[in-house]
Amino acid sequence: MLVWFDAFTQNVDRTPRNANLLVWHRKLYAIDHGAALFFHHDWPTLNQKIESPFPQIQQHILLPWAAEIGAAGIAARQILTPELLDRIVADVPDAWLEAIPGNLNPAERRAGYLDFFVRRLAASKVFEQEAIHARDH
């Protein structure tokens, strides 16, 4: 599921060089998602990133063990409804959204993130196939 999630959020920073994984009490935790959603550093690229196959997934440290990428996508599409995504984005503090350079206010930023997540989820087969192909080769 983590490989799928990192492809969905376009997290480029879960490689052997910097796994950003923590094992505590025999549980695996994904930490430091700071390299995800990199469109937010260049908002005009948002639409280009939505249907990106995300070729960087080939460097994911867990990819060799990601045997259920398609099943993870099915589960994610059932869980990540537009309503749930809206509630998640609504929880982002205004101060975080105000800190992003540009002329958009927090409501406009939230709408942009929600649009990205909903449309990226709808296009998820693109990055799922990229991940499956990368794992198989």
C-alpha atoms as a PDB file:
ATOM      1  CA  MET A   1       0.000   0.000   0.000  1.00  0.00           C
ATOM      2  CA  LEU A   2       2.857   2.408   0.723  1.00  0.00           C
ATOM      3  CA  VAL A   3       4.246   2.119  -2.804  1.00  0.00           C
ATOM      4  CA  TRP A   4       0.802   2.976  -4.169  1.00  0.00           C
ATOM      5  CA  PHE A   5       0.421   5.902  -1.741  1.00  0.00           C
ATOM      6  CA  ASP A   6       3.838   7.306  -2.587  1.00  0.00           C
ATOM      7  CA  ALA A   7       3.037   7.104  -6.311  1.00  0.00           C
ATOM      8  CA  PHE A   8      -0.309   8.815  -5.641  1.00  0.00           C
ATOM      9  CA  THR A   9       1.352  11.656  -3.733  1.00  0.00           C
ATOM     10  CA  GLN A  10       4.403  11.635  -6.019  1.00  0.00           C
ATOM     11  CA  ASN A  11       6.799  11.185  -3.103  1.00  0.00           C
ATOM     12  CA  VAL A  12      10.299  11.038  -4.573  1.00  0.00           C
ATOM     13  CA  ASP A  13      12.004  10.461  -1.247  1.00  0.00           C
ATOM     14  CA  ARG A  14      11.614   6.821  -0.245  1.00  0.00           C
ATOM     15  CA  THR A  15      14.688   5.362  -1.915  1.00  0.00           C
ATOM     16  CA  PRO A  16      17.566   3.231  -0.621  1.00  0.00           C
ATOM     17  CA  ARG A  17      19.538   6.446  -0.094  1.00  0.00           C
ATOM     18  CA  ASN A  18      16.886   7.878   2.227  1.00  0.00           C
ATOM     19  CA  ALA A  19      14.101   5.439   3.022  1.00  0.00           C
ATOM     20  CA  ASN A  20      12.182   7.634   5.458  1.00  0.00           C
ATOM     21  CA  LEU A  21      10.913   4.530   7.209  1.00  0.00           C
ATOM     22  CA  LEU A  22      10.916   3.914  10.928  1.00  0.00           C
ATOM     23  CA  VAL A  23      10.504   0.563  12.650  1.00  0.00           C
ATOM     24  CA  TRP A  24       9.280   0.901  16.207  1.00  0.00           C
ATOM     25  CA  HIS A  25       7.962  -1.964  18.304  1.00  0.00           C
ATOM     26  CA  ARG A  26       8.083  -4.167  15.202  1.00  0.00           C
ATOM     27  CA  LYS A  27       5.778  -1.840  13.257  1.00  0.00           C
ATOM     28  CA  LEU A  28       6.784  -0.003  10.104  1.00  0.00           C
ATOM     29  CA  TYR A  29       6.001   3.703   9.892  1.00  0.00           C
ATOM     30  CA  ALA A  30       6.359   5.960   6.869  1.00  0.00           C
ATOM     31  CA  ILE A  31       7.878   9.242   8.014  1.00  0.00           C
ATOM     32  CA  ASP A  32       8.855  12.538   6.417  1.00  0.00           C
ATOM     33  CA  HIS A  33       6.531  13.147   3.481  1.00  0.00           C
ATOM     34  CA  GLY A  34       8.222  16.458   2.715  1.00  0.00           C
ATOM     35  CA  ALA A  35       9.153  15.420  -0.816  1.00  0.00           C
ATOM     36  CA  ALA A  36       5.583  14.543  -1.770  1.00  0.00           C
ATOM     37  CA  LEU A  37       3.193  16.748  -3.743  1.00  0.00           C
ATOM     38  CA  PHE A  38       6.081  18.538  -5.368  1.00  0.00           C
ATOM     39  CA  PHE A  39       3.681  20.415  -7.671  1.00  0.00           C
ATOM     40  CA  HIS A  40       3.016  22.702  -4.722  1.00  0.00           C
ATOM     41  CA  HIS A  41       6.436  24.253  -5.307  1.00  0.00           C
ATOM     42  CA  ASP A  42       5.316  25.166  -8.830  1.00  0.00           C
ATOM     43  CA  TRP A  43       1.510  25.438  -8.917  1.00  0.00           C
ATOM     44  CA  PRO A  44       1.299  26.024 -12.685  1.00  0.00           C
ATOM     45  CA  THR A  45       2.489  22.395 -13.133  1.00  0.00           C
ATOM     46  CA  LEU A  46      -0.435  20.949 -11.134  1.00  0.00           C
ATOM     47  CA  ASN A  47      -2.398  19.848 -14.201  1.00  0.00           C
ATOM     48  CA  GLN A  48       0.683  18.216 -15.740  1.00  0.00           C
ATOM     49  CA  LYS A  49       1.292  16.181 -12.586  1.00  0.00           C
ATOM     50  CA  ILE A  50      -2.235  14.781 -12.261  1.00  0.00           C
ATOM     51  CA  GLU A  51      -1.902  12.118 -14.956  1.00  0.00           C
ATOM     52  CA  SER A  52       1.827  11.597 -14.527  1.00  0.00           C
ATOM     53  CA  PRO A  53       2.864   7.946 -14.496  1.00  0.00           C
ATOM     54  CA  PHE A  54       5.491   8.914 -11.897  1.00  0.00           C
ATOM     55  CA  PRO A  55       8.555   7.083 -13.275  1.00  0.00           C
ATOM     56  CA  GLN A  56      10.470   7.877 -10.059  1.00  0.00           C
ATOM     57  CA  ILE A  57       8.570   4.978  -8.467  1.00  0.00           C
ATOM     58  CA  GLN A  58      11.223   2.669  -9.926  1.00  0.00           C
ATOM     59  CA  GLN A  59      13.578   3.885  -7.153  1.00  0.00           C
ATOM     60  CA  HIS A  60      11.132   3.106  -4.292  1.00  0.00           C
ATOM     61  CA  ILE A  61      12.833   1.042  -1.610  1.00  0.00           C
ATOM     62  CA  LEU A  62       9.771  -1.201  -1.097  1.00  0.00           C
ATOM     63  CA  LEU A  63       8.958  -1.744  -4.771  1.00  0.00           C
ATOM     64  CA  PRO A  64      10.490  -5.257  -4.969  1.00  0.00           C
ATOM     65  CA  TRP A  65       8.001  -6.412  -2.305  1.00  0.00           C
ATOM     66  CA  ALA A  66       4.959  -4.548  -3.667  1.00  0.00           C
ATOM     67  CA  ALA A  67       3.115  -7.527  -5.096  1.00  0.00           C
ATOM     68  CA  GLU A  68      -0.381  -6.083  -4.626  1.00  0.00           C
ATOM     69  CA  ILE A  69      -0.230  -2.662  -6.295  1.00  0.00           C
ATOM     70  CA  GLY A  70      -3.483  -3.215  -8.208  1.00  0.00           C
ATOM     71  CA  ALA A  71      -5.265  -4.422  -5.061  1.00  0.00           C
ATOM     72  CA  ALA A  72      -3.929  -1.413  -3.169  1.00  0.00           C
ATOM     73  CA  GLY A  73      -5.426   0.829  -5.849  1.00  0.00           C
ATOM     74  CA  ILE A  74      -8.814  -0.854  -5.588  1.00  0.00           C
ATOM     75  CA  ALA A  75      -8.807  -0.428  -1.804  1.00  0.00           C
ATOM     76  CA  ALA A  76      -7.634   3.178  -2.023  1.00  0.00           C
ATOM     77  CA  ARG A  77     -10.318   4.120  -4.536  1.00  0.00           C
ATOM     78  CA  GLN A  78     -12.958   2.669  -2.198  1.00  0.00           C
ATOM     79  CA  ILE A  79     -11.621   4.514   0.854  1.00  0.00           C
ATOM     80  CA  LEU A  80     -10.496   7.838  -0.622  1.00  0.00           C
ATOM     81  CA  THR A  81     -13.846   9.299  -1.558  1.00  0.00           C
ATOM     82  CA  PRO A  82     -14.067  12.945  -2.594  1.00  0.00           C
ATOM     83  CA  GLU A  83     -15.833  13.599   0.721  1.00  0.00           C
ATOM     84  CA  LEU A  84     -13.000  12.069   2.735  1.00  0.00           C
ATOM     85  CA  LEU A  85     -10.375  13.912   0.717  1.00  0.00           C
ATOM     86  CA  ASP A  86     -12.309  17.146   1.294  1.00  0.00           C
ATOM     87  CA  ARG A  87     -12.318  16.537   5.062  1.00  0.00           C
ATOM     88  CA  ILE A  88      -8.589  15.825   5.036  1.00  0.00           C
ATOM     89  CA  VAL A  89      -7.758  18.960   3.062  1.00  0.00           C
ATOM     90  CA  ALA A  90     -10.079  20.991   5.311  1.00  0.00           C
ATOM     91  CA  ASP A  91      -7.898  20.013   8.289  1.00  0.00           C
ATOM     92  CA  VAL A  92      -4.817  21.730   6.850  1.00  0.00           C
ATOM     93  CA  PRO A  93      -4.229  24.893   8.908  1.00  0.00           C
ATOM     94  CA  ASP A  94      -4.661  28.195   7.092  1.00  0.00           C
ATOM     95  CA  ALA A  95      -1.187  29.250   8.252  1.00  0.00           C
ATOM     96  CA  TRP A  96       0.404  26.399   6.295  1.00  0.00           C
ATOM     97  CA  LEU A  97      -1.486  27.357   3.155  1.00  0.00           C
ATOM     98  CA  GLU A  98      -0.699  31.054   3.591  1.00  0.00           C
ATOM     99  CA  ALA A  99       3.019  30.215   3.727  1.00  0.00           C
ATOM    100  CA  ILE A 100       3.006  28.932   0.145  1.00  0.00           C
ATOM    101  CA  PRO A 101       4.270  31.638  -2.229  1.00  0.00           C
ATOM    102  CA  GLY A 102       1.793  32.976  -4.740  1.00  0.00           C
ATOM    103  CA  ASN A 103      -1.448  34.883  -4.963  1.00  0.00           C
ATOM    104  CA  LEU A 104      -3.893  32.215  -3.775  1.00  0.00           C
ATOM    105  CA  ASN A 105      -5.698  32.435  -0.462  1.00  0.00           C
ATOM    106  CA  PRO A 106      -6.143  29.362   1.806  1.00  0.00           C
ATOM    107  CA  ALA A 107      -9.555  28.479   0.354  1.00  0.00           C
ATOM    108  CA  GLU A 108      -8.155  28.570  -3.179  1.00  0.00           C
ATOM    109  CA  ARG A 109      -5.160  26.451  -2.118  1.00  0.00           C
ATOM    110  CA  ARG A 110      -7.475  23.902  -0.492  1.00  0.00           C
ATOM    111  CA  ALA A 111      -9.559  23.757  -3.653  1.00  0.00           C
ATOM    112  CA  GLY A 112      -6.368  23.183  -5.673  1.00  0.00           C
ATOM    113  CA  TYR A 113      -5.196  20.338  -3.444  1.00  0.00           C
ATOM    114  CA  LEU A 114      -8.633  18.745  -3.451  1.00  0.00           C
ATOM    115  CA  ASP A 115      -8.825  19.020  -7.234  1.00  0.00           C
ATOM    116  CA  PHE A 116      -5.391  17.411  -7.509  1.00  0.00           C
ATOM    117  CA  PHE A 117      -6.253  14.509  -5.198  1.00  0.00           C
ATOM    118  CA  VAL A 118      -9.637  13.764  -6.773  1.00  0.00           C
ATOM    119  CA  ARG A 119      -8.297  13.897 -10.316  1.00  0.00           C
ATOM    120  CA  ARG A 120      -5.078  12.024  -9.449  1.00  0.00           C
ATOM    121  CA  LEU A 121      -7.178   9.277  -7.882  1.00  0.00           C
ATOM    122  CA  ALA A 122      -9.308   9.071 -11.023  1.00  0.00           C
ATOM    123  CA  ALA A 123      -6.119   8.705 -13.083  1.00  0.00           C
ATOM    124  CA  SER A 124      -4.504   6.223 -10.678  1.00  0.00           C
ATOM    125  CA  LYS A 125      -4.338   3.386 -13.211  1.00  0.00           C
ATOM    126  CA  VAL A 126      -1.585   5.361 -14.974  1.00  0.00           C
ATOM    127  CA  PHE A 127       0.805   5.335 -12.018  1.00  0.00           C
ATOM    128  CA  GLU A 128      -0.274   1.853 -10.918  1.00  0.00           C
ATOM    129  CA  GLN A 129       0.753   0.450 -14.289  1.00  0.00           C
ATOM    130  CA  GLU A 130       4.043   2.362 -14.099  1.00  0.00           C
ATOM    131  CA  ALA A 131       4.748   0.848 -10.670  1.00  0.00           C
ATOM    132  CA  ILE A 132       3.795  -2.667 -11.771  1.00  0.00           C
ATOM    133  CA  HIS A 133       5.988  -2.339 -14.866  1.00  0.00           C
ATOM    134  CA  ALA A 134       8.910  -1.018 -12.786  1.00  0.00           C
ATOM    135  CA  ARG A 135       8.542  -3.842 -10.262  1.00  0.00           C
ATOM    136  CA  ASP A 136       8.445  -6.488 -12.987  1.00  0.00           C
ATOM    137  CA  HIS A 137      11.601  -5.169 -14.643  1.00  0.00           C
END
